């Protein structure tokens, strides 16, 4: 895919712009992820789609677990900072998984037991780690500098599916997706400018442009849904009756069964 030494040499040669670009990207990522934690806490529904949480967790765990590679094998200042940045992301993803176990059962397994749901969430995370490690071995990317393209591309796809299935932007916030859209600009700006031939291919550029456009669209959709300017009815047409979330959270006249 690429020669790690070429990228490390480019990083050492262009320290300041790369530090600024990636530093801002990490700040935006943390703002978006903390906002997702707050939205789930506030509204009681999963914010970041579970498939994305699984994917991000597998990616970031792979980086954090390879401590020896970054600090001893390569012993490069940038890779050490990269490890610290993804350690913070991994901790937030653990919070995502905890929140998914706490609030996700009523949406995904309403008649199941809490222990069953927790087991399924954990098993899903483990399964994604297994798959991700295989894919990493298959396609290379020794410095984990190309893989973020996949994690950023997957988010708007999964979020759109989640919003349309729920017919609601519950637990979503436009700030999250605006931050991720800006993060795409920064990440691709740095990698395309400094990282060499692979990161200037039409495939890599097209993924970046597509991810940015999709994230902007999701940002606008979430903002309009949250403000009430747009609603999604049963057929996905504006102006239709109450959403699935409204139906699930509406008070009922009969006895309420305690969760098990």
C-alpha atoms as a PDB file:
ATOM      1  CA  UNK A   1       0.000   0.000   0.000  1.00  0.00           C
ATOM      2  CA  UNK A   2       2.764   2.440   0.966  1.00  0.00           C
ATOM      3  CA  UNK A   3       6.289   2.558   2.358  1.00  0.00           C
ATOM      4  CA  UNK A   4       6.147   3.490   6.085  1.00  0.00           C
ATOM      5  CA  UNK A   5       9.561   5.138   5.945  1.00  0.00           C
ATOM      6  CA  UNK A   6       8.417   7.532   3.213  1.00  0.00           C
ATOM      7  CA  UNK A   7       5.517   8.667   5.361  1.00  0.00           C
ATOM      8  CA  UNK A   8       7.636   8.989   8.506  1.00  0.00           C
ATOM      9  CA  UNK A   9      10.207  11.024   6.572  1.00  0.00           C
ATOM     10  CA  UNK A  10       7.436  13.290   5.269  1.00  0.00           C
ATOM     11  CA  UNK A  11       6.096  13.735   8.807  1.00  0.00           C
ATOM     12  CA  UNK A  12       9.537  14.718  10.112  1.00  0.00           C
ATOM     13  CA  UNK A  13      10.009  17.111   7.196  1.00  0.00           C
ATOM     14  CA  UNK A  14       6.630  18.843   7.635  1.00  0.00           C
ATOM     15  CA  UNK A  15       6.133  18.744  11.408  1.00  0.00           C
ATOM     16  CA  UNK A  16       4.233  22.002  11.893  1.00  0.00           C
ATOM     17  CA  UNK A  17       1.460  21.699   9.252  1.00  0.00           C
ATOM     18  CA  UNK A  18       0.943  18.019  10.070  1.00  0.00           C
ATOM     19  CA  UNK A  19       0.746  18.724  13.810  1.00  0.00           C
ATOM     20  CA  UNK A  20      -1.736  21.537  13.227  1.00  0.00           C
ATOM     21  CA  UNK A  21      -3.912  19.548  10.815  1.00  0.00           C
ATOM     22  CA  UNK A  22      -4.033  16.328  12.802  1.00  0.00           C
ATOM     23  CA  UNK A  23      -4.201  18.180  16.118  1.00  0.00           C
ATOM     24  CA  UNK A  24      -7.330  20.025  15.019  1.00  0.00           C
ATOM     25  CA  UNK A  25      -8.762  16.768  13.659  1.00  0.00           C
ATOM     26  CA  UNK A  26      -8.301  15.083  17.055  1.00  0.00           C
ATOM     27  CA  UNK A  27      -9.965  18.028  18.832  1.00  0.00           C
ATOM     28  CA  UNK A  28     -12.958  17.814  16.480  1.00  0.00           C
ATOM     29  CA  UNK A  29     -13.155  14.051  16.963  1.00  0.00           C
ATOM     30  CA  UNK A  30     -13.240  14.393  20.739  1.00  0.00           C
ATOM     31  CA  UNK A  31     -15.889  17.134  20.581  1.00  0.00           C
ATOM     32  CA  UNK A  32     -18.078  14.936  18.375  1.00  0.00           C
ATOM     33  CA  UNK A  33     -17.634  11.816  20.500  1.00  0.00           C
ATOM     34  CA  UNK A  34     -18.238  13.590  23.815  1.00  0.00           C
ATOM     35  CA  UNK A  35     -21.350  15.161  22.294  1.00  0.00           C
ATOM     36  CA  UNK A  36     -22.566  11.670  21.349  1.00  0.00           C
ATOM     37  CA  UNK A  37     -22.050  10.484  24.941  1.00  0.00           C
ATOM     38  CA  UNK A  38     -23.999  13.499  26.231  1.00  0.00           C
ATOM     39  CA  UNK A  39     -26.861  12.967  23.764  1.00  0.00           C
ATOM     40  CA  UNK A  40     -27.232   9.304  24.723  1.00  0.00           C
ATOM     41  CA  UNK A  41     -27.138  10.230  28.405  1.00  0.00           C
ATOM     42  CA  UNK A  42     -29.684  13.004  27.918  1.00  0.00           C
ATOM     43  CA  UNK A  43     -32.178  11.277  25.625  1.00  0.00           C
ATOM     44  CA  UNK A  44     -31.719   7.602  26.470  1.00  0.00           C
ATOM     45  CA  UNK A  45     -31.071   6.269  22.963  1.00  0.00           C
ATOM     46  CA  UNK A  46     -27.925   5.088  21.206  1.00  0.00           C
ATOM     47  CA  UNK A  47     -26.319   8.009  19.390  1.00  0.00           C
ATOM     48  CA  UNK A  48     -23.413   6.656  17.297  1.00  0.00           C
ATOM     49  CA  UNK A  49     -24.733   3.617  15.368  1.00  0.00           C
ATOM     50  CA  UNK A  50     -23.539   0.332  16.823  1.00  0.00           C
ATOM     51  CA  UNK A  51     -21.819  -0.821  13.602  1.00  0.00           C
ATOM     52  CA  UNK A  52     -19.668   2.334  13.719  1.00  0.00           C
ATOM     53  CA  UNK A  53     -18.877   1.857  17.387  1.00  0.00           C
ATOM     54  CA  UNK A  54     -17.762  -1.697  16.618  1.00  0.00           C
ATOM     55  CA  UNK A  55     -15.641  -0.551  13.668  1.00  0.00           C
ATOM     56  CA  UNK A  56     -14.039   2.349  15.551  1.00  0.00           C
ATOM     57  CA  UNK A  57     -13.394   0.171  18.596  1.00  0.00           C
ATOM     58  CA  UNK A  58     -11.659  -2.506  16.513  1.00  0.00           C
ATOM     59  CA  UNK A  59      -9.561   0.097  14.690  1.00  0.00           C
ATOM     60  CA  UNK A  60      -8.503   2.007  17.796  1.00  0.00           C
ATOM     61  CA  UNK A  61      -7.897  -1.118  19.866  1.00  0.00           C
ATOM     62  CA  UNK A  62      -5.548  -2.316  17.136  1.00  0.00           C
ATOM     63  CA  UNK A  63      -3.543   0.901  17.447  1.00  0.00           C
ATOM     64  CA  UNK A  64      -3.498   0.980  21.255  1.00  0.00           C
ATOM     65  CA  UNK A  65      -2.568  -2.711  21.553  1.00  0.00           C
ATOM     66  CA  UNK A  66       0.475  -2.146  19.341  1.00  0.00           C
ATOM     67  CA  UNK A  67       2.199   0.070  21.908  1.00  0.00           C
ATOM     68  CA  UNK A  68       5.537  -1.649  21.359  1.00  0.00           C
ATOM     69  CA  UNK A  69       5.372  -1.030  17.614  1.00  0.00           C
ATOM     70  CA  UNK A  70       4.966   2.734  17.957  1.00  0.00           C
ATOM     71  CA  UNK A  71       7.201   3.338  20.989  1.00  0.00           C
ATOM     72  CA  UNK A  72      10.003   0.850  20.339  1.00  0.00           C
ATOM     73  CA  UNK A  73      10.006  -0.518  16.781  1.00  0.00           C
ATOM     74  CA  UNK A  74       9.429   2.836  15.062  1.00  0.00           C
ATOM     75  CA  UNK A  75      10.194   5.092  18.057  1.00  0.00           C
ATOM     76  CA  UNK A  76       8.732   8.067  16.209  1.00  0.00           C
ATOM     77  CA  UNK A  77       7.325  11.143  17.986  1.00  0.00           C
ATOM     78  CA  UNK A  78       4.278  11.363  15.697  1.00  0.00           C
ATOM     79  CA  UNK A  79       3.290   7.731  16.175  1.00  0.00           C
ATOM     80  CA  UNK A  80       3.524   8.194  19.953  1.00  0.00           C
ATOM     81  CA  UNK A  81       1.170  11.182  19.784  1.00  0.00           C
ATOM     82  CA  UNK A  82      -1.103   9.209  17.444  1.00  0.00           C
ATOM     83  CA  UNK A  83      -1.250   6.410  20.031  1.00  0.00           C
ATOM     84  CA  UNK A  84      -2.250   8.875  22.766  1.00  0.00           C
ATOM     85  CA  UNK A  85      -4.937  10.386  20.543  1.00  0.00           C
ATOM     86  CA  UNK A  86      -6.480   7.008  19.771  1.00  0.00           C
ATOM     87  CA  UNK A  87      -6.248   5.928  23.396  1.00  0.00           C
ATOM     88  CA  UNK A  88      -8.645   8.767  24.274  1.00  0.00           C
ATOM     89  CA  UNK A  89     -10.924   7.682  21.426  1.00  0.00           C
ATOM     90  CA  UNK A  90     -10.846   4.067  22.622  1.00  0.00           C
ATOM     91  CA  UNK A  91     -11.883   5.118  26.131  1.00  0.00           C
ATOM     92  CA  UNK A  92     -14.844   7.023  24.690  1.00  0.00           C
ATOM     93  CA  UNK A  93     -15.783   3.992  22.590  1.00  0.00           C
ATOM     94  CA  UNK A  94     -15.857   1.901  25.754  1.00  0.00           C
ATOM     95  CA  UNK A  95     -18.352   4.454  27.080  1.00  0.00           C
ATOM     96  CA  UNK A  96     -20.363   4.013  23.852  1.00  0.00           C
ATOM     97  CA  UNK A  97     -20.470   0.264  24.414  1.00  0.00           C
ATOM     98  CA  UNK A  98     -21.482   0.698  28.053  1.00  0.00           C
ATOM     99  CA  UNK A  99     -24.260   3.073  27.023  1.00  0.00           C
ATOM    100  CA  UNK A 100     -25.387   0.695  24.276  1.00  0.00           C
ATOM    101  CA  UNK A 101     -25.759  -2.055  26.871  1.00  0.00           C
ATOM    102  CA  UNK A 102     -27.592   0.307  29.228  1.00  0.00           C
ATOM    103  CA  UNK A 103     -30.111   1.830  26.795  1.00  0.00           C
ATOM    104  CA  UNK A 104     -30.100  -0.245  23.608  1.00  0.00           C
ATOM    105  CA  UNK A 105     -32.079  -3.294  24.688  1.00  0.00           C
ATOM    106  CA  UNK A 106     -35.505  -1.660  24.430  1.00  0.00           C
ATOM    107  CA  UNK A 107     -34.792  -0.781  20.803  1.00  0.00           C
ATOM    108  CA  UNK A 108     -33.029  -3.909  19.576  1.00  0.00           C
ATOM    109  CA  UNK A 109     -34.130  -6.686  21.956  1.00  0.00           C
ATOM    110  CA  UNK A 110     -37.236  -5.385  23.769  1.00  0.00           C
ATOM    111  CA  UNK A 111     -38.425  -8.806  24.943  1.00  0.00           C
ATOM    112  CA  UNK A 112     -34.993 -10.086  25.888  1.00  0.00           C
ATOM    113  CA  UNK A 113     -33.067 -10.072  29.112  1.00  0.00           C
ATOM    114  CA  UNK A 114     -30.496  -7.445  29.990  1.00  0.00           C
ATOM    115  CA  UNK A 115     -27.785 -10.104  30.297  1.00  0.00           C
ATOM    116  CA  UNK A 116     -28.619 -11.499  26.868  1.00  0.00           C
ATOM    117  CA  UNK A 117     -28.418  -8.065  25.296  1.00  0.00           C
ATOM    118  CA  UNK A 118     -25.131  -7.287  27.054  1.00  0.00           C
ATOM    119  CA  UNK A 119     -23.692 -10.553  25.794  1.00  0.00           C
ATOM    120  CA  UNK A 120     -24.745  -9.754  22.231  1.00  0.00           C
ATOM    121  CA  UNK A 121     -23.180  -6.281  22.357  1.00  0.00           C
ATOM    122  CA  UNK A 122     -19.894  -7.638  23.678  1.00  0.00           C
ATOM    123  CA  UNK A 123     -19.898 -10.526  21.194  1.00  0.00           C
ATOM    124  CA  UNK A 124     -20.440  -8.066  18.345  1.00  0.00           C
ATOM    125  CA  UNK A 125     -17.441  -6.024  19.452  1.00  0.00           C
ATOM    126  CA  UNK A 126     -15.246  -9.123  19.686  1.00  0.00           C
ATOM    127  CA  UNK A 127     -16.383 -10.334  16.270  1.00  0.00           C
ATOM    128  CA  UNK A 128     -15.518  -6.997  14.677  1.00  0.00           C
ATOM    129  CA  UNK A 129     -12.055  -7.048  16.244  1.00  0.00           C
ATOM    130  CA  UNK A 130     -11.447 -10.496  14.733  1.00  0.00           C
ATOM    131  CA  UNK A 131     -12.617  -9.358  11.292  1.00  0.00           C
ATOM    132  CA  UNK A 132     -10.681  -6.079  11.452  1.00  0.00           C
ATOM    133  CA  UNK A 133      -7.404  -7.791  12.322  1.00  0.00           C
ATOM    134  CA  UNK A 134      -7.858 -10.107   9.345  1.00  0.00           C
ATOM    135  CA  UNK A 135      -8.596  -7.195   7.020  1.00  0.00           C
ATOM    136  CA  UNK A 136      -5.576  -5.279   8.322  1.00  0.00           C
ATOM    137  CA  UNK A 137      -3.361  -8.266   7.583  1.00  0.00           C
ATOM    138  CA  UNK A 138      -4.931  -8.508   4.128  1.00  0.00           C
ATOM    139  CA  UNK A 139      -4.508  -4.932   2.947  1.00  0.00           C
ATOM    140  CA  UNK A 140      -1.489  -3.668   4.894  1.00  0.00           C
ATOM    141  CA  UNK A 141      -1.579  -0.072   6.204  1.00  0.00           C
ATOM    142  CA  UNK A 142       1.218  -0.617   8.754  1.00  0.00           C
ATOM    143  CA  UNK A 143       0.943   2.893  10.239  1.00  0.00           C
ATOM    144  CA  UNK A 144      -2.878   3.001  10.377  1.00  0.00           C
ATOM    145  CA  UNK A 145      -2.896   6.151   8.253  1.00  0.00           C
ATOM    146  CA  UNK A 146      -5.230   4.921   5.495  1.00  0.00           C
ATOM    147  CA  UNK A 147      -7.779   3.067   7.626  1.00  0.00           C
ATOM    148  CA  UNK A 148      -9.419   6.235   9.062  1.00  0.00           C
ATOM    149  CA  UNK A 149     -10.906   6.752   5.603  1.00  0.00           C
ATOM    150  CA  UNK A 150     -13.060   3.674   6.202  1.00  0.00           C
ATOM    151  CA  UNK A 151     -14.134   4.716   9.698  1.00  0.00           C
ATOM    152  CA  UNK A 152     -15.166   8.181   8.526  1.00  0.00           C
ATOM    153  CA  UNK A 153     -16.908   6.903   5.391  1.00  0.00           C
ATOM    154  CA  UNK A 154     -18.992   4.377   7.320  1.00  0.00           C
ATOM    155  CA  UNK A 155     -20.432   6.912   9.776  1.00  0.00           C
ATOM    156  CA  UNK A 156     -22.858   8.838   7.522  1.00  0.00           C
ATOM    157  CA  UNK A 157     -24.015   5.603   5.856  1.00  0.00           C
ATOM    158  CA  UNK A 158     -24.861   3.941   9.183  1.00  0.00           C
ATOM    159  CA  UNK A 159     -26.324   7.115  10.683  1.00  0.00           C
ATOM    160  CA  UNK A 160     -28.635   7.679   7.728  1.00  0.00           C
ATOM    161  CA  UNK A 161     -29.903   4.107   8.030  1.00  0.00           C
ATOM    162  CA  UNK A 162     -30.452   4.582  11.776  1.00  0.00           C
ATOM    163  CA  UNK A 163     -32.360   7.848  11.346  1.00  0.00           C
ATOM    164  CA  UNK A 164     -34.559   6.465   8.580  1.00  0.00           C
ATOM    165  CA  UNK A 165     -35.309   3.300  10.539  1.00  0.00           C
ATOM    166  CA  UNK A 166     -36.209   5.302  13.633  1.00  0.00           C
ATOM    167  CA  UNK A 167     -37.826   8.080  11.589  1.00  0.00           C
ATOM    168  CA  UNK A 168     -36.329  10.413  14.167  1.00  0.00           C
ATOM    169  CA  UNK A 169     -33.102  12.254  15.015  1.00  0.00           C
ATOM    170  CA  UNK A 170     -33.377  11.306  18.673  1.00  0.00           C
ATOM    171  CA  UNK A 171     -29.944  11.297  20.393  1.00  0.00           C
ATOM    172  CA  UNK A 172     -28.402  12.972  17.334  1.00  0.00           C
ATOM    173  CA  UNK A 173     -26.829  16.424  17.129  1.00  0.00           C
ATOM    174  CA  UNK A 174     -25.713  18.381  14.081  1.00  0.00           C
ATOM    175  CA  UNK A 175     -22.505  19.386  15.895  1.00  0.00           C
ATOM    176  CA  UNK A 176     -21.312  15.782  15.823  1.00  0.00           C
ATOM    177  CA  UNK A 177     -21.536  15.385  12.071  1.00  0.00           C
ATOM    178  CA  UNK A 178     -20.301  18.911  11.370  1.00  0.00           C
ATOM    179  CA  UNK A 179     -17.172  18.070  13.370  1.00  0.00           C
ATOM    180  CA  UNK A 180     -16.653  14.842  11.475  1.00  0.00           C
ATOM    181  CA  UNK A 181     -17.144  16.625   8.129  1.00  0.00           C
ATOM    182  CA  UNK A 182     -14.469  19.150   9.093  1.00  0.00           C
ATOM    183  CA  UNK A 183     -12.276  16.281  10.258  1.00  0.00           C
ATOM    184  CA  UNK A 184     -12.463  14.761   6.763  1.00  0.00           C
ATOM    185  CA  UNK A 185     -11.181  18.016   5.269  1.00  0.00           C
ATOM    186  CA  UNK A 186      -8.263  18.113   7.717  1.00  0.00           C
ATOM    187  CA  UNK A 187      -7.358  14.415   7.448  1.00  0.00           C
ATOM    188  CA  UNK A 188      -7.435  14.304   3.665  1.00  0.00           C
ATOM    189  CA  UNK A 189      -5.764  17.692   3.438  1.00  0.00           C
ATOM    190  CA  UNK A 190      -2.747  16.441   5.384  1.00  0.00           C
ATOM    191  CA  UNK A 191      -2.482  12.958   3.891  1.00  0.00           C
ATOM    192  CA  UNK A 192      -2.981  14.038   0.276  1.00  0.00           C
ATOM    193  CA  UNK A 193      -0.536  16.930   0.604  1.00  0.00           C
ATOM    194  CA  UNK A 194       2.307  15.175   2.395  1.00  0.00           C
ATOM    195  CA  UNK A 195       1.989  11.379   2.330  1.00  0.00           C
ATOM    196  CA  UNK A 196       2.933  10.429  -1.207  1.00  0.00           C
ATOM    197  CA  UNK A 197       1.485   8.575  -4.224  1.00  0.00           C
ATOM    198  CA  UNK A 198      -1.054   6.221  -2.623  1.00  0.00           C
ATOM    199  CA  UNK A 199      -2.810   9.099  -0.892  1.00  0.00           C
ATOM    200  CA  UNK A 200      -3.145  10.966  -4.190  1.00  0.00           C
ATOM    201  CA  UNK A 201      -4.932   8.153  -6.060  1.00  0.00           C
ATOM    202  CA  UNK A 202      -8.383   8.844  -7.468  1.00  0.00           C
ATOM    203  CA  UNK A 203      -9.842   6.139  -5.223  1.00  0.00           C
ATOM    204  CA  UNK A 204      -8.576   7.765  -2.029  1.00  0.00           C
ATOM    205  CA  UNK A 205      -9.643  11.226  -3.184  1.00  0.00           C
ATOM    206  CA  UNK A 206     -13.098  10.003  -4.194  1.00  0.00           C
ATOM    207  CA  UNK A 207     -13.652   8.335  -0.819  1.00  0.00           C
ATOM    208  CA  UNK A 208     -12.770  11.600   0.905  1.00  0.00           C
ATOM    209  CA  UNK A 209     -15.049  13.742  -1.237  1.00  0.00           C
ATOM    210  CA  UNK A 210     -17.920  11.279  -0.874  1.00  0.00           C
ATOM    211  CA  UNK A 211     -17.488  11.015   2.907  1.00  0.00           C
ATOM    212  CA  UNK A 212     -17.470  14.810   3.207  1.00  0.00           C
ATOM    213  CA  UNK A 213     -20.611  15.260   1.093  1.00  0.00           C
ATOM    214  CA  UNK A 214     -22.468  12.538   3.016  1.00  0.00           C
ATOM    215  CA  UNK A 215     -21.468  13.995   6.392  1.00  0.00           C
ATOM    216  CA  UNK A 216     -22.605  17.464   5.333  1.00  0.00           C
ATOM    217  CA  UNK A 217     -25.935  16.000   4.216  1.00  0.00           C
ATOM    218  CA  UNK A 218     -26.363  14.163   7.525  1.00  0.00           C
ATOM    219  CA  UNK A 219     -25.491  17.363   9.406  1.00  0.00           C
ATOM    220  CA  UNK A 220     -28.222  19.252   7.543  1.00  0.00           C
ATOM    221  CA  UNK A 221     -30.731  16.415   7.952  1.00  0.00           C
ATOM    222  CA  UNK A 222     -30.141  16.168  11.703  1.00  0.00           C
ATOM    223  CA  UNK A 223     -30.348  19.943  12.130  1.00  0.00           C
ATOM    224  CA  UNK A 224     -33.654  20.102  10.250  1.00  0.00           C
ATOM    225  CA  UNK A 225     -35.133  17.135  12.112  1.00  0.00           C
ATOM    226  CA  UNK A 226     -34.080  18.520  15.491  1.00  0.00           C
ATOM    227  CA  UNK A 227     -35.526  21.956  14.678  1.00  0.00           C
ATOM    228  CA  UNK A 228     -38.798  20.508  13.373  1.00  0.00           C
ATOM    229  CA  UNK A 229     -38.257  21.915   9.883  1.00  0.00           C
ATOM    230  CA  UNK A 230     -38.396  18.359   8.514  1.00  0.00           C
ATOM    231  CA  UNK A 231     -40.233  15.289   9.787  1.00  0.00           C
ATOM    232  CA  UNK A 232     -40.107  11.672   8.682  1.00  0.00           C
ATOM    233  CA  UNK A 233     -43.387   9.770   8.676  1.00  0.00           C
ATOM    234  CA  UNK A 234     -43.957   6.037   8.231  1.00  0.00           C
ATOM    235  CA  UNK A 235     -43.270   6.328   4.500  1.00  0.00           C
ATOM    236  CA  UNK A 236     -40.392   8.755   4.929  1.00  0.00           C
ATOM    237  CA  UNK A 237     -42.535  11.657   3.665  1.00  0.00           C
ATOM    238  CA  UNK A 238     -42.652  14.976   5.507  1.00  0.00           C
ATOM    239  CA  UNK A 239     -45.840  15.672   7.388  1.00  0.00           C
ATOM    240  CA  UNK A 240     -46.777  12.076   8.159  1.00  0.00           C
ATOM    241  CA  UNK A 241     -47.875  10.921  11.629  1.00  0.00           C
ATOM    242  CA  UNK A 242     -45.748  10.276  14.701  1.00  0.00           C
ATOM    243  CA  UNK A 243     -42.368   8.615  14.422  1.00  0.00           C
ATOM    244  CA  UNK A 244     -41.413   5.182  15.652  1.00  0.00           C
ATOM    245  CA  UNK A 245     -39.662   6.779  18.620  1.00  0.00           C
ATOM    246  CA  UNK A 246     -42.809   8.732  19.526  1.00  0.00           C
ATOM    247  CA  UNK A 247     -44.809   5.514  19.434  1.00  0.00           C
ATOM    248  CA  UNK A 248     -42.305   3.640  21.600  1.00  0.00           C
ATOM    249  CA  UNK A 249     -42.080   6.389  24.207  1.00  0.00           C
ATOM    250  CA  UNK A 250     -45.749   7.375  24.338  1.00  0.00           C
ATOM    251  CA  UNK A 251     -47.576   6.674  27.638  1.00  0.00           C
ATOM    252  CA  UNK A 252     -49.812   3.608  27.617  1.00  0.00           C
ATOM    253  CA  UNK A 253     -53.033   3.045  29.504  1.00  0.00           C
ATOM    254  CA  UNK A 254     -52.293  -0.567  30.475  1.00  0.00           C
ATOM    255  CA  UNK A 255     -49.854  -1.807  33.105  1.00  0.00           C
ATOM    256  CA  UNK A 256     -46.207  -1.328  32.301  1.00  0.00           C
ATOM    257  CA  UNK A 257     -44.022  -4.401  32.573  1.00  0.00           C
ATOM    258  CA  UNK A 258     -40.755  -3.916  34.405  1.00  0.00           C
ATOM    259  CA  UNK A 259     -37.654  -4.523  32.259  1.00  0.00           C
ATOM    260  CA  UNK A 260     -35.925  -7.847  32.801  1.00  0.00           C
END
